[in-house]
Amino acid sequence: MSQPPVVDRSPRVMLPMPEVFGSVEDLLVGATSRHLIEAPGKSGAVLERVTIGDTAYVVKYLDHDRDWSLRAARVPGSPTVALWRRGILGALPAEIAQPIVAVAHDERRPALSALLMHDVGPWLIPAVDDPITAEQNERFLDHLAALHAAFWQTTQDIDVVAPIDRYLELSPRMAAEEAALEQEHLVPRLVAQGWPLLASVAPRAAAVVVPLVHDPTPLLAALATTPQTLVHGNWKLDNLGIDDAGRTILLDWETPGRGAGTADLAWYLAINCRRLPVTKEEAIDLYRAALERRGIDTSQWWDRQLALGLLGALVQFGWEKAFGGYDDELAWWETRAVAAAPLLA
């Protein structure tokens, strides 16, 4: 299937390459009152609250020796540092507030990077089980569309995490690699347990998804026939907030790169499923309408990319859905996966 004609909507002004400090010490010159922060993340990253001058900051340490998600992304330093170097984080649309003010990639220990960030804790969505409000949900979907529209079919260098690594982040490959390293992180162990479980819980879904979990190439080839943009890769509520100006605070660029916008949408639906205040169908409609408001014509490619994006979410989360048994949630995703399978031919 040929790709429909589209317009490059990316920013035309080339931003200067931001400085990357050569050590964590240089990044934190003048820091006082340093305290570790307990964080809900499961990757192994370490957070620290510091004060420089009269301003409070949060430092996130990105260490390939500690963080399984960094190893899975396969980007030297980190994907976030790569985006910073290229000026992409400075070119985000007005709807997005990313809190990073400086970064370091340690020259003496290349496995270590660090991000110096404004402390946005008071504005983040609480890491609880309660549904968010309809207004919050609509804002997040609208601003997700704003991000995608800003980089629609961009010629900028947004190729950070390879698409195949994005879809293998939560795969048996990752689980096996972490087991070989004798790491004790919970998520890789659950991934290893969950994928075999899917075949017994939802065999129709497994027949479509499990081959792609080992080799997502057919899915990637099909998605590549549809419009591409900058995807965040982890649009989950733990990474989102709303500041006093109404912008979406966006954290944790773990698997960013070139991809299909509906892949971000599908991830949002899958990982936040129990906290959404509307049905998945209503959320999908909100995102599509937000793209259309920003001048993106979805008529030629929407059905194909959406179906493939939803299939891709089960390639990423089938292991997790299997732990809940064959409930309404897994049944919804299985129906979409089976329907999308003919698009892989």
C-alpha atoms as a PDB file:
ATOM      1  CA  MET A   1       0.000   0.000   0.000  1.00  0.00           C
ATOM      2  CA  SER A   2       1.491   3.352  -1.006  1.00  0.00           C
ATOM      3  CA  GLN A   3       1.825   6.072   1.603  1.00  0.00           C
ATOM      4  CA  PRO A   4      -0.630   8.980   1.183  1.00  0.00           C
ATOM      5  CA  PRO A   5       0.753  12.424   0.436  1.00  0.00           C
ATOM      6  CA  VAL A   6       1.430  14.400   3.601  1.00  0.00           C
ATOM      7  CA  VAL A   7       2.974  17.682   4.619  1.00  0.00           C
ATOM      8  CA  ASP A   8       6.064  18.092   6.784  1.00  0.00           C
ATOM      9  CA  ARG A   9       4.759  20.165   9.707  1.00  0.00           C
ATOM     10  CA  SER A  10       7.931  20.116  11.790  1.00  0.00           C
ATOM     11  CA  PRO A  11       9.474  23.363  13.056  1.00  0.00           C
ATOM     12  CA  ARG A  12      11.620  25.015  10.389  1.00  0.00           C
ATOM     13  CA  VAL A  13      13.965  26.879  12.732  1.00  0.00           C
ATOM     14  CA  MET A  14      17.114  24.923  13.539  1.00  0.00           C
ATOM     15  CA  LEU A  15      17.796  25.312  17.240  1.00  0.00           C
ATOM     16  CA  PRO A  16      21.386  25.532  18.526  1.00  0.00           C
ATOM     17  CA  MET A  17      22.752  22.258  19.869  1.00  0.00           C
ATOM     18  CA  PRO A  18      22.341  22.389  23.671  1.00  0.00           C
ATOM     19  CA  GLU A  19      25.378  21.813  25.840  1.00  0.00           C
ATOM     20  CA  VAL A  20      25.893  18.371  27.353  1.00  0.00           C
ATOM     21  CA  PHE A  21      28.085  18.432  30.464  1.00  0.00           C
ATOM     22  CA  GLY A  22      30.940  15.943  30.506  1.00  0.00           C
ATOM     23  CA  SER A  23      30.338  14.749  34.048  1.00  0.00           C
ATOM     24  CA  VAL A  24      27.671  14.636  36.711  1.00  0.00           C
ATOM     25  CA  GLU A  25      29.918  16.758  38.918  1.00  0.00           C
ATOM     26  CA  ASP A  26      29.958  19.544  36.321  1.00  0.00           C
ATOM     27  CA  LEU A  27      26.177  19.327  36.004  1.00  0.00           C
ATOM     28  CA  LEU A  28      25.694  19.729  39.747  1.00  0.00           C
ATOM     29  CA  VAL A  29      28.255  22.416  40.567  1.00  0.00           C
ATOM     30  CA  GLY A  30      26.909  24.370  43.550  1.00  0.00           C
ATOM     31  CA  ALA A  31      24.306  21.779  44.480  1.00  0.00           C
ATOM     32  CA  THR A  32      23.368  21.592  48.144  1.00  0.00           C
ATOM     33  CA  SER A  33      20.855  19.729  50.284  1.00  0.00           C
ATOM     34  CA  ARG A  34      20.926  16.530  48.247  1.00  0.00           C
ATOM     35  CA  HIS A  35      18.381  13.837  49.156  1.00  0.00           C
ATOM     36  CA  LEU A  36      17.330  10.635  47.404  1.00  0.00           C
ATOM     37  CA  ILE A  37      13.668  10.444  46.360  1.00  0.00           C
ATOM     38  CA  GLU A  38      11.451   7.382  46.566  1.00  0.00           C
ATOM     39  CA  ALA A  39       9.913   7.034  43.098  1.00  0.00           C
ATOM     40  CA  PRO A  40       7.170   4.739  41.670  1.00  0.00           C
ATOM     41  CA  GLY A  41       9.226   3.817  38.606  1.00  0.00           C
ATOM     42  CA  LYS A  42      10.216   0.185  37.982  1.00  0.00           C
ATOM     43  CA  SER A  43      13.213   0.632  35.693  1.00  0.00           C
ATOM     44  CA  GLY A  44      15.953   1.080  38.299  1.00  0.00           C
ATOM     45  CA  ALA A  45      16.542   4.802  37.755  1.00  0.00           C
ATOM     46  CA  VAL A  46      17.612   6.844  40.796  1.00  0.00           C
ATOM     47  CA  LEU A  47      16.142  10.268  41.621  1.00  0.00           C
ATOM     48  CA  GLU A  48      17.652  12.930  43.860  1.00  0.00           C
ATOM     49  CA  ARG A  49      16.314  16.285  45.017  1.00  0.00           C
ATOM     50  CA  VAL A  50      18.942  19.046  45.040  1.00  0.00           C
ATOM     51  CA  THR A  51      19.118  22.788  45.534  1.00  0.00           C
ATOM     52  CA  ILE A  52      21.288  25.020  43.360  1.00  0.00           C
ATOM     53  CA  GLY A  53      21.253  28.620  44.477  1.00  0.00           C
ATOM     54  CA  ASP A  54      17.701  29.254  45.619  1.00  0.00           C
ATOM     55  CA  THR A  55      16.059  26.796  43.208  1.00  0.00           C
ATOM     56  CA  ALA A  56      14.984  23.220  43.912  1.00  0.00           C
ATOM     57  CA  TYR A  57      15.633  20.644  41.198  1.00  0.00           C
ATOM     58  CA  VAL A  58      15.289  16.921  40.685  1.00  0.00           C
ATOM     59  CA  VAL A  59      18.161  14.917  39.227  1.00  0.00           C
ATOM     60  CA  LYS A  60      17.445  11.676  37.406  1.00  0.00           C
ATOM     61  CA  TYR A  61      20.405   9.346  37.017  1.00  0.00           C
ATOM     62  CA  LEU A  62      20.302   7.178  33.888  1.00  0.00           C
ATOM     63  CA  ASP A  63      22.685   4.286  34.438  1.00  0.00           C
ATOM     64  CA  HIS A  64      22.891   1.422  31.934  1.00  0.00           C
ATOM     65  CA  ASP A  65      24.382  -0.741  34.680  1.00  0.00           C
ATOM     66  CA  ARG A  66      21.239  -0.335  36.809  1.00  0.00           C
ATOM     67  CA  ASP A  67      18.370   0.367  34.401  1.00  0.00           C
ATOM     68  CA  TRP A  68      16.941  -2.470  32.293  1.00  0.00           C
ATOM     69  CA  SER A  69      14.867  -0.055  30.161  1.00  0.00           C
ATOM     70  CA  LEU A  70      18.016   1.791  29.071  1.00  0.00           C
ATOM     71  CA  ARG A  71      19.635  -1.479  28.079  1.00  0.00           C
ATOM     72  CA  ALA A  72      16.534  -2.435  26.092  1.00  0.00           C
ATOM     73  CA  ALA A  73      16.534   0.907  24.236  1.00  0.00           C
ATOM     74  CA  ARG A  74      20.093   0.303  22.992  1.00  0.00           C
ATOM     75  CA  VAL A  75      21.004   4.006  22.791  1.00  0.00           C
ATOM     76  CA  PRO A  76      24.430   5.082  24.128  1.00  0.00           C
ATOM     77  CA  GLY A  77      24.029   7.513  27.000  1.00  0.00           C
ATOM     78  CA  SER A  78      20.254   7.511  26.865  1.00  0.00           C
ATOM     79  CA  PRO A  79      17.439   8.355  24.445  1.00  0.00           C
ATOM     80  CA  THR A  80      16.768  11.532  26.412  1.00  0.00           C
ATOM     81  CA  VAL A  81      20.335  12.764  26.011  1.00  0.00           C
ATOM     82  CA  ALA A  82      20.130  12.029  22.278  1.00  0.00           C
ATOM     83  CA  LEU A  83      16.970  14.147  21.975  1.00  0.00           C
ATOM     84  CA  TRP A  84      18.629  16.936  23.974  1.00  0.00           C
ATOM     85  CA  ARG A  85      21.742  16.942  21.795  1.00  0.00           C
ATOM     86  CA  ARG A  86      19.637  17.241  18.646  1.00  0.00           C
ATOM     87  CA  GLY A  87      17.509  20.116  19.963  1.00  0.00           C
ATOM     88  CA  ILE A  88      14.306  18.101  19.716  1.00  0.00           C
ATOM     89  CA  LEU A  89      13.226  18.747  23.309  1.00  0.00           C
ATOM     90  CA  GLY A  90      13.557  22.473  22.637  1.00  0.00           C
ATOM     91  CA  ALA A  91      11.272  22.177  19.615  1.00  0.00           C
ATOM     92  CA  LEU A  92       8.280  20.631  21.380  1.00  0.00           C
ATOM     93  CA  PRO A  93       4.908  22.338  20.787  1.00  0.00           C
ATOM     94  CA  ALA A  94       3.560  24.918  23.219  1.00  0.00           C
ATOM     95  CA  GLU A  95       1.143  22.385  24.721  1.00  0.00           C
ATOM     96  CA  ILE A  96       4.024  20.345  26.148  1.00  0.00           C
ATOM     97  CA  ALA A  97       6.134  21.321  29.174  1.00  0.00           C
ATOM     98  CA  GLN A  98       9.209  19.157  29.596  1.00  0.00           C
ATOM     99  CA  PRO A  99      11.122  19.995  32.789  1.00  0.00           C
ATOM    100  CA  ILE A 100      14.741  19.242  31.777  1.00  0.00           C
ATOM    101  CA  VAL A 101      17.075  22.244  32.069  1.00  0.00           C
ATOM    102  CA  ALA A 102      20.485  20.558  31.624  1.00  0.00           C
ATOM    103  CA  VAL A 103      21.971  17.133  31.000  1.00  0.00           C
ATOM    104  CA  ALA A 104      25.267  15.317  31.462  1.00  0.00           C
ATOM    105  CA  HIS A 105      26.823  12.284  29.810  1.00  0.00           C
ATOM    106  CA  ASP A 106      29.773  11.198  31.871  1.00  0.00           C
ATOM    107  CA  GLU A 107      32.938  11.008  29.775  1.00  0.00           C
ATOM    108  CA  ARG A 108      34.727   8.797  32.292  1.00  0.00           C
ATOM    109  CA  ARG A 109      31.815   6.415  32.658  1.00  0.00           C
ATOM    110  CA  PRO A 110      29.802   6.396  29.396  1.00  0.00           C
ATOM    111  CA  ALA A 111      27.099   4.171  30.895  1.00  0.00           C
ATOM    112  CA  LEU A 112      26.007   7.061  33.132  1.00  0.00           C
ATOM    113  CA  SER A 113      23.948  10.129  32.215  1.00  0.00           C
ATOM    114  CA  ALA A 114      21.978  12.547  34.362  1.00  0.00           C
ATOM    115  CA  LEU A 115      19.105  14.959  33.828  1.00  0.00           C
ATOM    116  CA  LEU A 116      18.692  18.149  35.855  1.00  0.00           C
ATOM    117  CA  MET A 117      14.992  18.992  35.983  1.00  0.00           C
ATOM    118  CA  HIS A 118      12.628  21.494  37.514  1.00  0.00           C
ATOM    119  CA  ASP A 119      10.763  19.921  40.421  1.00  0.00           C
ATOM    120  CA  VAL A 120       7.305  19.392  38.906  1.00  0.00           C
ATOM    121  CA  GLY A 121       6.139  16.887  41.511  1.00  0.00           C
ATOM    122  CA  PRO A 122       3.155  18.953  42.731  1.00  0.00           C
ATOM    123  CA  TRP A 123       1.630  18.975  39.225  1.00  0.00           C
ATOM    124  CA  LEU A 124       2.058  15.301  38.347  1.00  0.00           C
ATOM    125  CA  ILE A 125      -0.854  12.881  38.211  1.00  0.00           C
ATOM    126  CA  PRO A 126      -0.785  10.893  41.483  1.00  0.00           C
ATOM    127  CA  ALA A 127       0.347   7.265  41.112  1.00  0.00           C
ATOM    128  CA  VAL A 128      -2.902   5.771  42.436  1.00  0.00           C
ATOM    129  CA  ASP A 129      -5.598   3.511  41.014  1.00  0.00           C
ATOM    130  CA  ASP A 130      -8.403   6.066  40.755  1.00  0.00           C
ATOM    131  CA  PRO A 131      -9.628   7.145  37.307  1.00  0.00           C
ATOM    132  CA  ILE A 132      -8.520  10.539  36.093  1.00  0.00           C
ATOM    133  CA  THR A 133     -11.146  13.120  35.192  1.00  0.00           C
ATOM    134  CA  ALA A 134     -12.694  13.405  31.750  1.00  0.00           C
ATOM    135  CA  GLU A 135     -11.090  16.843  31.403  1.00  0.00           C
ATOM    136  CA  GLN A 136      -7.632  15.479  32.185  1.00  0.00           C
ATOM    137  CA  ASN A 137      -8.073  12.611  29.747  1.00  0.00           C
ATOM    138  CA  GLU A 138      -9.222  14.921  26.950  1.00  0.00           C
ATOM    139  CA  ARG A 139      -6.308  17.288  27.607  1.00  0.00           C
ATOM    140  CA  PHE A 140      -3.742  14.482  27.480  1.00  0.00           C
ATOM    141  CA  LEU A 141      -5.140  13.133  24.225  1.00  0.00           C
ATOM    142  CA  ASP A 142      -5.328  16.613  22.718  1.00  0.00           C
ATOM    143  CA  HIS A 143      -1.729  17.357  23.660  1.00  0.00           C
ATOM    144  CA  LEU A 144      -0.581  13.952  22.415  1.00  0.00           C
ATOM    145  CA  ALA A 145      -2.059  14.933  19.070  1.00  0.00           C
ATOM    146  CA  ALA A 146      -0.310  18.320  19.332  1.00  0.00           C
ATOM    147  CA  LEU A 147       3.048  16.578  19.766  1.00  0.00           C
ATOM    148  CA  HIS A 148       2.424  14.336  16.781  1.00  0.00           C
ATOM    149  CA  ALA A 149       1.151  17.158  14.572  1.00  0.00           C
ATOM    150  CA  ALA A 150       4.241  19.255  15.344  1.00  0.00           C
ATOM    151  CA  PHE A 151       6.547  16.547  13.947  1.00  0.00           C
ATOM    152  CA  TRP A 152       4.259  15.130  11.273  1.00  0.00           C
ATOM    153  CA  GLN A 153       6.386  13.530   8.521  1.00  0.00           C
ATOM    154  CA  THR A 154       9.337  15.523   9.818  1.00  0.00           C
ATOM    155  CA  THR A 155      12.717  15.504   8.115  1.00  0.00           C
ATOM    156  CA  GLN A 156      14.408  16.304  11.434  1.00  0.00           C
ATOM    157  CA  ASP A 157      16.661  13.708  13.025  1.00  0.00           C
ATOM    158  CA  ILE A 158      14.143  12.074  15.342  1.00  0.00           C
ATOM    159  CA  ASP A 159      15.381   8.521  14.756  1.00  0.00           C
ATOM    160  CA  VAL A 160      16.532   7.730  18.290  1.00  0.00           C
ATOM    161  CA  VAL A 161      15.280   4.339  19.487  1.00  0.00           C
ATOM    162  CA  ALA A 162      14.942   1.963  16.536  1.00  0.00           C
ATOM    163  CA  PRO A 163      11.319   0.879  15.969  1.00  0.00           C
ATOM    164  CA  ILE A 164      12.269  -2.771  16.366  1.00  0.00           C
ATOM    165  CA  ASP A 165      13.798  -2.070  19.783  1.00  0.00           C
ATOM    166  CA  ARG A 166      10.700  -0.134  20.811  1.00  0.00           C
ATOM    167  CA  TYR A 167       8.537  -3.190  20.107  1.00  0.00           C
ATOM    168  CA  LEU A 168      11.002  -5.612  21.707  1.00  0.00           C
ATOM    169  CA  GLU A 169      11.375  -3.602  24.917  1.00  0.00           C
ATOM    170  CA  LEU A 170       8.919  -5.891  26.747  1.00  0.00           C
ATOM    171  CA  SER A 171       9.733  -9.085  24.882  1.00  0.00           C
ATOM    172  CA  PRO A 172      11.251 -12.479  25.690  1.00  0.00           C
ATOM    173  CA  ARG A 173      14.477 -11.123  24.171  1.00  0.00           C
ATOM    174  CA  MET A 174      14.678  -8.465  26.874  1.00  0.00           C
ATOM    175  CA  ALA A 175      13.730 -10.917  29.625  1.00  0.00           C
ATOM    176  CA  ALA A 176      16.385 -13.396  28.504  1.00  0.00           C
ATOM    177  CA  GLU A 177      19.061 -10.716  28.325  1.00  0.00           C
ATOM    178  CA  GLU A 178      18.243  -9.510  31.829  1.00  0.00           C
ATOM    179  CA  ALA A 179      18.201 -13.067  33.181  1.00  0.00           C
ATOM    180  CA  ALA A 180      21.654 -13.637  31.670  1.00  0.00           C
ATOM    181  CA  LEU A 181      22.870 -10.570  33.554  1.00  0.00           C
ATOM    182  CA  GLU A 182      21.353 -12.015  36.765  1.00  0.00           C
ATOM    183  CA  GLN A 183      19.422  -8.800  37.336  1.00  0.00           C
ATOM    184  CA  GLU A 184      16.626  -8.780  39.926  1.00  0.00           C
ATOM    185  CA  HIS A 185      14.259  -6.187  38.440  1.00  0.00           C
ATOM    186  CA  LEU A 186      10.595  -7.162  38.695  1.00  0.00           C
ATOM    187  CA  VAL A 187       9.362  -6.214  35.218  1.00  0.00           C
ATOM    188  CA  PRO A 188      11.755  -8.453  33.223  1.00  0.00           C
ATOM    189  CA  ARG A 189      10.821 -11.408  35.447  1.00  0.00           C
ATOM    190  CA  LEU A 190       7.107 -10.758  34.932  1.00  0.00           C
ATOM    191  CA  VAL A 191       7.618 -10.424  31.185  1.00  0.00           C
ATOM    192  CA  ALA A 192       9.300 -13.834  31.139  1.00  0.00           C
ATOM    193  CA  GLN A 193       6.351 -15.352  33.001  1.00  0.00           C
ATOM    194  CA  GLY A 194       3.581 -13.557  31.142  1.00  0.00           C
ATOM    195  CA  TRP A 195       4.331 -14.370  27.517  1.00  0.00           C
ATOM    196  CA  PRO A 196       4.004 -18.161  27.895  1.00  0.00           C
ATOM    197  CA  LEU A 197       0.794 -17.572  29.848  1.00  0.00           C
ATOM    198  CA  LEU A 198      -0.866 -15.689  26.968  1.00  0.00           C
ATOM    199  CA  ALA A 199      -1.130 -18.824  24.795  1.00  0.00           C
ATOM    200  CA  SER A 200      -3.237 -20.624  27.396  1.00  0.00           C
ATOM    201  CA  VAL A 201      -5.336 -17.621  28.376  1.00  0.00           C
ATOM    202  CA  ALA A 202      -6.051 -16.151  24.922  1.00  0.00           C
ATOM    203  CA  PRO A 203      -4.890 -18.531  22.174  1.00  0.00           C
ATOM    204  CA  ARG A 204      -6.440 -16.521  19.322  1.00  0.00           C
ATOM    205  CA  ALA A 205      -4.531 -13.428  20.397  1.00  0.00           C
ATOM    206  CA  ALA A 206      -1.349 -15.405  20.974  1.00  0.00           C
ATOM    207  CA  ALA A 207      -1.463 -16.893  17.473  1.00  0.00           C
ATOM    208  CA  VAL A 208      -1.201 -13.377  16.026  1.00  0.00           C
ATOM    209  CA  VAL A 209       0.929 -11.641  18.643  1.00  0.00           C
ATOM    210  CA  VAL A 210       3.535 -14.140  19.816  1.00  0.00           C
ATOM    211  CA  PRO A 211       5.315 -14.452  16.430  1.00  0.00           C
ATOM    212  CA  LEU A 212       5.551 -10.645  16.361  1.00  0.00           C
ATOM    213  CA  VAL A 213       6.928 -10.594  19.901  1.00  0.00           C
ATOM    214  CA  HIS A 214       9.938 -12.493  18.567  1.00  0.00           C
ATOM    215  CA  ASP A 215      10.108 -10.718  15.194  1.00  0.00           C
ATOM    216  CA  PRO A 216       8.025  -7.535  14.785  1.00  0.00           C
ATOM    217  CA  THR A 217       9.339  -6.918  11.263  1.00  0.00           C
ATOM    218  CA  PRO A 218       5.966  -7.561   9.523  1.00  0.00           C
ATOM    219  CA  LEU A 219       4.257  -5.100  11.878  1.00  0.00           C
ATOM    220  CA  LEU A 220       6.946  -2.463  11.355  1.00  0.00           C
ATOM    221  CA  ALA A 221       6.773  -2.843   7.575  1.00  0.00           C
ATOM    222  CA  ALA A 222       3.007  -2.390   7.613  1.00  0.00           C
ATOM    223  CA  LEU A 223       3.163   0.643   9.918  1.00  0.00           C
ATOM    224  CA  ALA A 224       5.825   2.220   7.694  1.00  0.00           C
ATOM    225  CA  THR A 225       3.259   2.531   4.900  1.00  0.00           C
ATOM    226  CA  THR A 226       1.400   5.092   7.037  1.00  0.00           C
ATOM    227  CA  PRO A 227       2.399   8.632   8.133  1.00  0.00           C
ATOM    228  CA  GLN A 228       5.170   8.871  10.707  1.00  0.00           C
ATOM    229  CA  THR A 229       5.940  11.350  13.467  1.00  0.00           C
ATOM    230  CA  LEU A 230       7.884  11.713  16.706  1.00  0.00           C
ATOM    231  CA  VAL A 231       6.476   9.290  19.266  1.00  0.00           C
ATOM    232  CA  HIS A 232       7.166   9.630  22.974  1.00  0.00           C
ATOM    233  CA  GLY A 233       6.990   5.911  23.626  1.00  0.00           C
ATOM    234  CA  ASN A 234       5.666   5.923  27.196  1.00  0.00           C
ATOM    235  CA  TRP A 235       2.563   8.139  27.429  1.00  0.00           C
ATOM    236  CA  LYS A 236       1.472   6.740  30.776  1.00  0.00           C
ATOM    237  CA  LEU A 237      -0.148   8.693  33.582  1.00  0.00           C
ATOM    238  CA  ASP A 238       2.873   8.311  35.880  1.00  0.00           C
ATOM    239  CA  ASN A 239       4.791  10.433  33.337  1.00  0.00           C
ATOM    240  CA  LEU A 240       2.153  13.136  32.923  1.00  0.00           C
ATOM    241  CA  GLY A 241       0.954  16.206  34.769  1.00  0.00           C
ATOM    242  CA  ILE A 242      -0.746  19.534  34.159  1.00  0.00           C
ATOM    243  CA  ASP A 243       0.990  22.780  35.072  1.00  0.00           C
ATOM    244  CA  ASP A 244      -0.592  26.097  36.067  1.00  0.00           C
ATOM    245  CA  ALA A 245      -0.666  27.198  32.418  1.00  0.00           C
ATOM    246  CA  GLY A 246      -2.648  24.127  31.397  1.00  0.00           C
ATOM    247  CA  ARG A 247       0.272  22.491  29.582  1.00  0.00           C
ATOM    248  CA  THR A 248       0.956  18.766  29.787  1.00  0.00           C
ATOM    249  CA  ILE A 249       4.077  18.037  31.810  1.00  0.00           C
ATOM    250  CA  LEU A 250       5.880  15.200  30.052  1.00  0.00           C
ATOM    251  CA  LEU A 251       8.557  13.034  31.658  1.00  0.00           C
ATOM    252  CA  ASP A 252      10.614   9.943  30.794  1.00  0.00           C
ATOM    253  CA  TRP A 253      11.493   9.826  27.118  1.00  0.00           C
ATOM    254  CA  GLU A 254      12.375   6.117  27.342  1.00  0.00           C
ATOM    255  CA  THR A 255      11.712   4.913  23.795  1.00  0.00           C
ATOM    256  CA  PRO A 256      11.267   7.988  21.573  1.00  0.00           C
ATOM    257  CA  GLY A 257      11.787   8.008  17.849  1.00  0.00           C
ATOM    258  CA  ARG A 258      10.084   7.883  14.499  1.00  0.00           C
ATOM    259  CA  GLY A 259       6.853   5.936  14.502  1.00  0.00           C
ATOM    260  CA  ALA A 260       3.101   5.917  14.078  1.00  0.00           C
ATOM    261  CA  GLY A 261       1.128   8.333  16.211  1.00  0.00           C
ATOM    262  CA  THR A 262      -1.488   5.676  16.930  1.00  0.00           C
ATOM    263  CA  ALA A 263       1.252   3.598  18.568  1.00  0.00           C
ATOM    264  CA  ASP A 264       1.503   6.241  21.304  1.00  0.00           C
ATOM    265  CA  LEU A 265      -2.286   6.319  21.482  1.00  0.00           C
ATOM    266  CA  ALA A 266      -2.518   2.534  21.794  1.00  0.00           C
ATOM    267  CA  TRP A 267       0.153   2.511  24.525  1.00  0.00           C
ATOM    268  CA  TYR A 268      -1.877   5.125  26.438  1.00  0.00           C
ATOM    269  CA  LEU A 269      -5.016   2.972  26.167  1.00  0.00           C
ATOM    270  CA  ALA A 270      -3.220  -0.209  27.192  1.00  0.00           C
ATOM    271  CA  ILE A 271      -1.120   0.934  30.134  1.00  0.00           C
ATOM    272  CA  ASN A 272      -3.720   3.313  31.614  1.00  0.00           C
ATOM    273  CA  CYS A 273      -6.755   1.108  30.925  1.00  0.00           C
ATOM    274  CA  ARG A 274      -8.072   1.009  34.477  1.00  0.00           C
ATOM    275  CA  ARG A 275      -7.790   4.746  35.032  1.00  0.00           C
ATOM    276  CA  LEU A 276      -9.521   6.025  31.892  1.00  0.00           C
ATOM    277  CA  PRO A 277     -12.840   7.810  32.497  1.00  0.00           C
ATOM    278  CA  VAL A 278     -14.209   6.970  29.022  1.00  0.00           C
ATOM    279  CA  THR A 279     -14.280   3.948  26.754  1.00  0.00           C
ATOM    280  CA  LYS A 280     -11.330   3.192  24.520  1.00  0.00           C
ATOM    281  CA  GLU A 281     -13.453   4.019  21.489  1.00  0.00           C
ATOM    282  CA  GLU A 282     -14.273   7.450  22.901  1.00  0.00           C
ATOM    283  CA  ALA A 283     -10.597   8.094  23.657  1.00  0.00           C
ATOM    284  CA  ILE A 284      -9.644   7.110  20.112  1.00  0.00           C
ATOM    285  CA  ASP A 285     -12.218   9.531  18.716  1.00  0.00           C
ATOM    286  CA  LEU A 286     -10.876  12.344  20.909  1.00  0.00           C
ATOM    287  CA  TYR A 287      -7.334  11.835  19.627  1.00  0.00           C
ATOM    288  CA  ARG A 288      -8.416  11.673  15.984  1.00  0.00           C
ATOM    289  CA  ALA A 289     -10.499  14.828  16.327  1.00  0.00           C
ATOM    290  CA  ALA A 290      -7.525  16.614  17.887  1.00  0.00           C
ATOM    291  CA  LEU A 291      -5.346  15.679  14.906  1.00  0.00           C
ATOM    292  CA  GLU A 292      -8.010  16.908  12.511  1.00  0.00           C
ATOM    293  CA  ARG A 293      -8.267  20.234  14.358  1.00  0.00           C
ATOM    294  CA  ARG A 294      -4.562  20.696  13.707  1.00  0.00           C
ATOM    295  CA  GLY A 295      -4.940  20.214   9.984  1.00  0.00           C
ATOM    296  CA  ILE A 296      -4.016  16.520   9.729  1.00  0.00           C
ATOM    297  CA  ASP A 297      -6.216  14.784   7.151  1.00  0.00           C
ATOM    298  CA  THR A 298      -6.809  11.282   8.518  1.00  0.00           C
ATOM    299  CA  SER A 299      -9.187  10.055   5.818  1.00  0.00           C
ATOM    300  CA  GLN A 300      -6.727   8.015   3.754  1.00  0.00           C
ATOM    301  CA  TRP A 301      -4.680   6.170   6.380  1.00  0.00           C
ATOM    302  CA  TRP A 302      -6.505   6.233   9.701  1.00  0.00           C
ATOM    303  CA  ASP A 303      -8.203   2.815   9.760  1.00  0.00           C
ATOM    304  CA  ARG A 304      -5.043   1.000   8.703  1.00  0.00           C
ATOM    305  CA  GLN A 305      -2.696   2.735  11.140  1.00  0.00           C
ATOM    306  CA  LEU A 306      -5.131   2.512  14.038  1.00  0.00           C
ATOM    307  CA  ALA A 307      -5.632  -1.234  13.561  1.00  0.00           C
ATOM    308  CA  LEU A 308      -1.888  -1.812  13.358  1.00  0.00           C
ATOM    309  CA  GLY A 309      -1.201   0.485  16.314  1.00  0.00           C
ATOM    310  CA  LEU A 310      -3.666  -1.438  18.487  1.00  0.00           C
ATOM    311  CA  LEU A 311      -2.104  -4.729  17.421  1.00  0.00           C
ATOM    312  CA  GLY A 312       1.279  -3.286  18.337  1.00  0.00           C
ATOM    313  CA  ALA A 313       0.103  -2.467  21.845  1.00  0.00           C
ATOM    314  CA  LEU A 314      -0.700  -6.132  22.439  1.00  0.00           C
ATOM    315  CA  VAL A 315       2.749  -7.024  21.084  1.00  0.00           C
ATOM    316  CA  GLN A 316       4.050  -4.828  23.889  1.00  0.00           C
ATOM    317  CA  PHE A 317       1.545  -5.693  26.636  1.00  0.00           C
ATOM    318  CA  GLY A 318       0.177  -9.166  25.890  1.00  0.00           C
ATOM    319  CA  TRP A 319       2.280 -10.552  28.735  1.00  0.00           C
ATOM    320  CA  GLU A 320       0.729  -8.112  31.201  1.00  0.00           C
ATOM    321  CA  LYS A 321      -2.842  -8.620  29.996  1.00  0.00           C
ATOM    322  CA  ALA A 322      -2.455 -12.384  30.397  1.00  0.00           C
ATOM    323  CA  PHE A 323      -2.024 -12.096  34.163  1.00  0.00           C
ATOM    324  CA  GLY A 324      -5.603 -10.852  34.466  1.00  0.00           C
ATOM    325  CA  GLY A 325      -7.049 -13.933  32.784  1.00  0.00           C
ATOM    326  CA  TYR A 326      -9.479 -13.750  29.902  1.00  0.00           C
ATOM    327  CA  ASP A 327     -11.407 -10.724  31.102  1.00  0.00           C
ATOM    328  CA  ASP A 328     -13.126  -7.945  29.154  1.00  0.00           C
ATOM    329  CA  GLU A 329      -9.843  -6.063  28.860  1.00  0.00           C
ATOM    330  CA  LEU A 330      -7.941  -8.877  27.189  1.00  0.00           C
ATOM    331  CA  ALA A 331     -10.954  -9.782  25.043  1.00  0.00           C
ATOM    332  CA  TRP A 332     -11.046  -6.204  23.675  1.00  0.00           C
ATOM    333  CA  TRP A 333      -7.388  -6.350  22.667  1.00  0.00           C
ATOM    334  CA  GLU A 334      -7.679  -9.871  21.251  1.00  0.00           C
ATOM    335  CA  THR A 335     -10.525  -8.778  18.972  1.00  0.00           C
ATOM    336  CA  ARG A 336      -8.400  -5.899  17.616  1.00  0.00           C
ATOM    337  CA  ALA A 337      -5.315  -8.090  17.156  1.00  0.00           C
ATOM    338  CA  VAL A 338      -7.193 -10.758  15.205  1.00  0.00           C
ATOM    339  CA  ALA A 339      -8.880  -8.093  13.041  1.00  0.00           C
ATOM    340  CA  ALA A 340      -5.539  -6.472  12.214  1.00  0.00           C
ATOM    341  CA  ALA A 341      -3.717  -9.690  11.306  1.00  0.00           C
ATOM    342  CA  PRO A 342      -4.630  -9.559   7.566  1.00  0.00           C
ATOM    343  CA  LEU A 343      -2.901  -6.153   7.308  1.00  0.00           C
ATOM    344  CA  LEU A 344       0.443  -7.853   7.916  1.00  0.00           C
ATOM    345  CA  ALA A 345       0.307  -9.736   4.616  1.00  0.00           C
END
